[in-house]
């Protein structure tokens, strides 16, 4: 029985699975976005998020623990110098999985997994959304300003008419 055994084995042995997830995590850290199958992306998310949480505290022990999983000193440097300052205030959810379709050969669902704080396109879209909203008060406040010159123009001919009558 498999009670309580919930993670996906990905049809690989334990050593092959560990090596694959380690390599994928290094690629994700170095490139900030990778394309893979949905099952591998979900397994990678469970693998890499605790490492990112550990990297938020830049201590010797944290570096050793993360290095024991990744085995790549360039990825460790990138993680602790560039990524951890950006995710320092985020309480979790460092990665995002976006489905892109199906692979042509075997119809496997394909997606890309990316680090949330490093996606420029999503950051730009959020800034646009705040600029486009307008309130009714601002348009109502502009309307009386536009009417004021019209009133002055209406008063001017009336003054001329009274001066001509005298």
C-alpha atoms as a PDB file:
ATOM      1  CA  UNK A   1       0.000   0.000   0.000  1.00  0.00           C
ATOM      2  CA  UNK A   2       1.127   3.560  -0.653  1.00  0.00           C
ATOM      3  CA  UNK A   3      -0.501   5.409   2.225  1.00  0.00           C
ATOM      4  CA  UNK A   4       1.085   8.824   2.784  1.00  0.00           C
ATOM      5  CA  UNK A   5       3.464   8.518  -0.169  1.00  0.00           C
ATOM      6  CA  UNK A   6       2.336  11.453  -2.245  1.00  0.00           C
ATOM      7  CA  UNK A   7       5.232  12.696  -4.369  1.00  0.00           C
ATOM      8  CA  UNK A   8       5.564  11.835  -8.041  1.00  0.00           C
ATOM      9  CA  UNK A   9       8.320   9.318  -8.796  1.00  0.00           C
ATOM     10  CA  UNK A  10       8.434  10.453 -12.463  1.00  0.00           C
ATOM     11  CA  UNK A  11       9.166   6.857 -13.613  1.00  0.00           C
ATOM     12  CA  UNK A  12      12.773   7.114 -12.391  1.00  0.00           C
ATOM     13  CA  UNK A  13      14.930   5.621  -9.698  1.00  0.00           C
ATOM     14  CA  UNK A  14      15.595   7.722  -6.607  1.00  0.00           C
ATOM     15  CA  UNK A  15      19.142   8.631  -7.644  1.00  0.00           C
ATOM     16  CA  UNK A  16      18.075   9.545 -11.193  1.00  0.00           C
ATOM     17  CA  UNK A  17      15.195  11.636  -9.870  1.00  0.00           C
ATOM     18  CA  UNK A  18      17.446  13.487  -7.397  1.00  0.00           C
ATOM     19  CA  UNK A  19      20.034  14.221 -10.085  1.00  0.00           C
ATOM     20  CA  UNK A  20      17.375  15.412 -12.531  1.00  0.00           C
ATOM     21  CA  UNK A  21      15.693  17.710 -10.014  1.00  0.00           C
ATOM     22  CA  UNK A  22      19.067  19.087  -8.953  1.00  0.00           C
ATOM     23  CA  UNK A  23      20.005  19.855 -12.568  1.00  0.00           C
ATOM     24  CA  UNK A  24      16.618  21.436 -13.249  1.00  0.00           C
ATOM     25  CA  UNK A  25      16.887  23.561 -10.097  1.00  0.00           C
ATOM     26  CA  UNK A  26      20.330  24.816 -11.188  1.00  0.00           C
ATOM     27  CA  UNK A  27      18.920  25.679 -14.616  1.00  0.00           C
ATOM     28  CA  UNK A  28      15.985  27.510 -13.038  1.00  0.00           C
ATOM     29  CA  UNK A  29      18.290  29.526 -10.781  1.00  0.00           C
ATOM     30  CA  UNK A  30      20.675  30.435 -13.596  1.00  0.00           C
ATOM     31  CA  UNK A  31      18.095  31.183 -16.320  1.00  0.00           C
ATOM     32  CA  UNK A  32      15.101  32.274 -14.151  1.00  0.00           C
ATOM     33  CA  UNK A  33      12.706  30.373 -16.479  1.00  0.00           C
ATOM     34  CA  UNK A  34      12.756  26.871 -17.980  1.00  0.00           C
ATOM     35  CA  UNK A  35      10.338  24.905 -20.167  1.00  0.00           C
ATOM     36  CA  UNK A  36       9.489  21.348 -19.158  1.00  0.00           C
ATOM     37  CA  UNK A  37       6.581  18.958 -18.702  1.00  0.00           C
ATOM     38  CA  UNK A  38       3.909  19.741 -16.158  1.00  0.00           C
ATOM     39  CA  UNK A  39       4.730  16.757 -13.926  1.00  0.00           C
ATOM     40  CA  UNK A  40       8.426  17.671 -13.776  1.00  0.00           C
ATOM     41  CA  UNK A  41       7.585  21.323 -13.093  1.00  0.00           C
ATOM     42  CA  UNK A  42       5.361  20.388 -10.156  1.00  0.00           C
ATOM     43  CA  UNK A  43       8.065  18.105  -8.752  1.00  0.00           C
ATOM     44  CA  UNK A  44      10.665  20.845  -9.260  1.00  0.00           C
ATOM     45  CA  UNK A  45       8.495  23.367  -7.437  1.00  0.00           C
ATOM     46  CA  UNK A  46       8.397  21.118  -4.369  1.00  0.00           C
ATOM     47  CA  UNK A  47      12.167  20.641  -4.635  1.00  0.00           C
ATOM     48  CA  UNK A  48      13.299  24.230  -5.157  1.00  0.00           C
ATOM     49  CA  UNK A  49      10.963  26.285  -2.937  1.00  0.00           C
ATOM     50  CA  UNK A  50      12.456  25.028   0.363  1.00  0.00           C
ATOM     51  CA  UNK A  51      15.916  25.784  -1.021  1.00  0.00           C
ATOM     52  CA  UNK A  52      14.867  29.346  -1.844  1.00  0.00           C
ATOM     53  CA  UNK A  53      13.453  29.730   1.661  1.00  0.00           C
ATOM     54  CA  UNK A  54      16.742  28.486   3.105  1.00  0.00           C
ATOM     55  CA  UNK A  55      18.685  30.928   0.911  1.00  0.00           C
ATOM     56  CA  UNK A  56      16.924  33.921   2.472  1.00  0.00           C
ATOM     57  CA  UNK A  57      19.299  33.695   5.424  1.00  0.00           C
ATOM     58  CA  UNK A  58      22.856  34.081   4.147  1.00  0.00           C
ATOM     59  CA  UNK A  59      24.765  31.938   6.626  1.00  0.00           C
ATOM     60  CA  UNK A  60      27.493  29.387   6.139  1.00  0.00           C
ATOM     61  CA  UNK A  61      25.188  26.583   7.209  1.00  0.00           C
ATOM     62  CA  UNK A  62      22.459  27.696   4.788  1.00  0.00           C
ATOM     63  CA  UNK A  63      24.995  27.724   1.942  1.00  0.00           C
ATOM     64  CA  UNK A  64      26.165  24.221   2.856  1.00  0.00           C
ATOM     65  CA  UNK A  65      22.629  22.851   3.046  1.00  0.00           C
ATOM     66  CA  UNK A  66      21.682  24.333  -0.343  1.00  0.00           C
ATOM     67  CA  UNK A  67      24.979  23.175  -1.876  1.00  0.00           C
ATOM     68  CA  UNK A  68      24.285  19.619  -0.703  1.00  0.00           C
ATOM     69  CA  UNK A  69      21.181  19.651  -2.911  1.00  0.00           C
ATOM     70  CA  UNK A  70      22.437  21.598  -5.936  1.00  0.00           C
ATOM     71  CA  UNK A  71      26.179  20.728  -6.238  1.00  0.00           C
ATOM     72  CA  UNK A  72      26.948  23.808  -8.372  1.00  0.00           C
ATOM     73  CA  UNK A  73      28.906  26.692  -6.863  1.00  0.00           C
ATOM     74  CA  UNK A  74      27.981  29.143  -9.637  1.00  0.00           C
ATOM     75  CA  UNK A  75      24.287  28.523  -8.974  1.00  0.00           C
ATOM     76  CA  UNK A  76      24.862  28.964  -5.231  1.00  0.00           C
ATOM     77  CA  UNK A  77      26.570  32.318  -5.860  1.00  0.00           C
ATOM     78  CA  UNK A  78      23.728  33.451  -8.120  1.00  0.00           C
ATOM     79  CA  UNK A  79      21.136  32.300  -5.585  1.00  0.00           C
ATOM     80  CA  UNK A  80      22.637  34.010  -2.553  1.00  0.00           C
ATOM     81  CA  UNK A  81      23.821  37.228  -4.260  1.00  0.00           C
ATOM     82  CA  UNK A  82      21.051  38.040  -6.758  1.00  0.00           C
ATOM     83  CA  UNK A  83      17.933  36.016  -5.988  1.00  0.00           C
ATOM     84  CA  UNK A  84      17.755  35.999  -2.187  1.00  0.00           C
ATOM     85  CA  UNK A  85      17.702  39.824  -1.812  1.00  0.00           C
ATOM     86  CA  UNK A  86      14.728  40.013  -4.208  1.00  0.00           C
ATOM     87  CA  UNK A  87      12.719  37.330  -2.425  1.00  0.00           C
ATOM     88  CA  UNK A  88      13.627  38.432   1.104  1.00  0.00           C
ATOM     89  CA  UNK A  89      10.226  39.993   1.862  1.00  0.00           C
ATOM     90  CA  UNK A  90       8.146  37.321   0.082  1.00  0.00           C
ATOM     91  CA  UNK A  91       6.673  34.739   2.520  1.00  0.00           C
ATOM     92  CA  UNK A  92       6.565  31.929  -0.058  1.00  0.00           C
ATOM     93  CA  UNK A  93       5.402  31.161  -3.565  1.00  0.00           C
ATOM     94  CA  UNK A  94       8.687  31.946  -5.283  1.00  0.00           C
ATOM     95  CA  UNK A  95       7.872  30.089  -8.500  1.00  0.00           C
ATOM     96  CA  UNK A  96       5.043  30.217 -11.026  1.00  0.00           C
ATOM     97  CA  UNK A  97       3.931  27.453 -13.428  1.00  0.00           C
ATOM     98  CA  UNK A  98       2.242  28.548 -16.664  1.00  0.00           C
ATOM     99  CA  UNK A  99       0.867  25.911 -19.030  1.00  0.00           C
ATOM    100  CA  UNK A 100       1.771  26.423 -22.683  1.00  0.00           C
ATOM    101  CA  UNK A 101       0.187  23.490 -24.515  1.00  0.00           C
ATOM    102  CA  UNK A 102       1.070  19.942 -25.483  1.00  0.00           C
ATOM    103  CA  UNK A 103       4.216  18.385 -26.922  1.00  0.00           C
ATOM    104  CA  UNK A 104       3.785  17.259 -30.511  1.00  0.00           C
ATOM    105  CA  UNK A 105       5.270  13.766 -30.210  1.00  0.00           C
ATOM    106  CA  UNK A 106       3.473  12.308 -27.201  1.00  0.00           C
ATOM    107  CA  UNK A 107       0.945  15.036 -26.251  1.00  0.00           C
ATOM    108  CA  UNK A 108       2.593  15.543 -22.868  1.00  0.00           C
ATOM    109  CA  UNK A 109       1.422  18.786 -21.224  1.00  0.00           C
ATOM    110  CA  UNK A 110       4.201  21.386 -21.514  1.00  0.00           C
ATOM    111  CA  UNK A 111       4.636  24.419 -19.296  1.00  0.00           C
ATOM    112  CA  UNK A 112       7.271  26.801 -18.155  1.00  0.00           C
ATOM    113  CA  UNK A 113       8.281  27.380 -14.566  1.00  0.00           C
ATOM    114  CA  UNK A 114       9.779  30.708 -13.600  1.00  0.00           C
ATOM    115  CA  UNK A 115      10.862  32.712 -10.592  1.00  0.00           C
ATOM    116  CA  UNK A 116       8.070  35.152  -9.787  1.00  0.00           C
ATOM    117  CA  UNK A 117      10.180  38.226  -8.973  1.00  0.00           C
ATOM    118  CA  UNK A 118      12.216  37.988 -12.170  1.00  0.00           C
ATOM    119  CA  UNK A 119       9.437  38.210 -14.778  1.00  0.00           C
ATOM    120  CA  UNK A 120       9.542  41.677 -16.354  1.00  0.00           C
ATOM    121  CA  UNK A 121       6.364  41.154 -18.408  1.00  0.00           C
ATOM    122  CA  UNK A 122       4.184  40.497 -15.375  1.00  0.00           C
ATOM    123  CA  UNK A 123       5.685  43.462 -13.516  1.00  0.00           C
ATOM    124  CA  UNK A 124       4.934  45.800 -16.438  1.00  0.00           C
ATOM    125  CA  UNK A 125       1.339  44.586 -16.681  1.00  0.00           C
ATOM    126  CA  UNK A 126       0.719  45.379 -13.010  1.00  0.00           C
ATOM    127  CA  UNK A 127       1.965  48.943 -13.404  1.00  0.00           C
ATOM    128  CA  UNK A 128      -0.320  49.509 -16.416  1.00  0.00           C
ATOM    129  CA  UNK A 129      -3.409  48.393 -14.504  1.00  0.00           C
ATOM    130  CA  UNK A 130      -2.999  51.103 -11.867  1.00  0.00           C
ATOM    131  CA  UNK A 131      -2.617  53.890 -14.453  1.00  0.00           C
ATOM    132  CA  UNK A 132      -5.792  53.220 -16.443  1.00  0.00           C
ATOM    133  CA  UNK A 133      -8.329  53.683 -13.646  1.00  0.00           C
ATOM    134  CA  UNK A 134     -10.061  57.034 -13.296  1.00  0.00           C
ATOM    135  CA  UNK A 135     -12.598  58.201 -10.782  1.00  0.00           C
ATOM    136  CA  UNK A 136     -15.788  60.103 -11.517  1.00  0.00           C
ATOM    137  CA  UNK A 137     -14.779  62.899  -9.149  1.00  0.00           C
ATOM    138  CA  UNK A 138     -11.890  63.968 -11.346  1.00  0.00           C
ATOM    139  CA  UNK A 139     -14.110  64.230 -14.450  1.00  0.00           C
ATOM    140  CA  UNK A 140     -16.795  66.084 -12.445  1.00  0.00           C
ATOM    141  CA  UNK A 141     -14.194  68.511 -11.113  1.00  0.00           C
ATOM    142  CA  UNK A 142     -12.961  69.240 -14.641  1.00  0.00           C
ATOM    143  CA  UNK A 143     -16.460  70.016 -15.957  1.00  0.00           C
ATOM    144  CA  UNK A 144     -17.092  73.247 -13.920  1.00  0.00           C
ATOM    145  CA  UNK A 145     -13.640  74.511 -14.889  1.00  0.00           C
ATOM    146  CA  UNK A 146     -14.601  74.146 -18.543  1.00  0.00           C
ATOM    147  CA  UNK A 147     -17.889  76.014 -17.970  1.00  0.00           C
ATOM    148  CA  UNK A 148     -16.307  79.018 -16.243  1.00  0.00           C
ATOM    149  CA  UNK A 149     -14.869  80.623 -19.434  1.00  0.00           C
ATOM    150  CA  UNK A 150     -18.254  80.189 -21.113  1.00  0.00           C
ATOM    151  CA  UNK A 151     -19.940  82.168 -18.313  1.00  0.00           C
ATOM    152  CA  UNK A 152     -17.387  84.968 -18.639  1.00  0.00           C
ATOM    153  CA  UNK A 153     -18.006  85.061 -22.384  1.00  0.00           C
ATOM    154  CA  UNK A 154     -21.753  85.306 -21.752  1.00  0.00           C
ATOM    155  CA  UNK A 155     -21.258  88.171 -19.272  1.00  0.00           C
ATOM    156  CA  UNK A 156     -19.044  90.176 -21.662  1.00  0.00           C
ATOM    157  CA  UNK A 157     -21.739  90.670 -24.369  1.00  0.00           C
ATOM    158  CA  UNK A 158     -24.232  91.587 -21.651  1.00  0.00           C
ATOM    159  CA  UNK A 159     -21.890  94.331 -20.376  1.00  0.00           C
ATOM    160  CA  UNK A 160     -21.381  95.616 -23.937  1.00  0.00           C
ATOM    161  CA  UNK A 161     -25.139  95.691 -24.466  1.00  0.00           C
ATOM    162  CA  UNK A 162     -25.696  97.775 -21.312  1.00  0.00           C
ATOM    163  CA  UNK A 163     -22.872 100.159 -22.303  1.00  0.00           C
ATOM    164  CA  UNK A 164     -24.376 100.581 -25.780  1.00  0.00           C
ATOM    165  CA  UNK A 165     -27.835 101.258 -24.333  1.00  0.00           C
ATOM    166  CA  UNK A 166     -26.514 104.109 -22.192  1.00  0.00           C
END
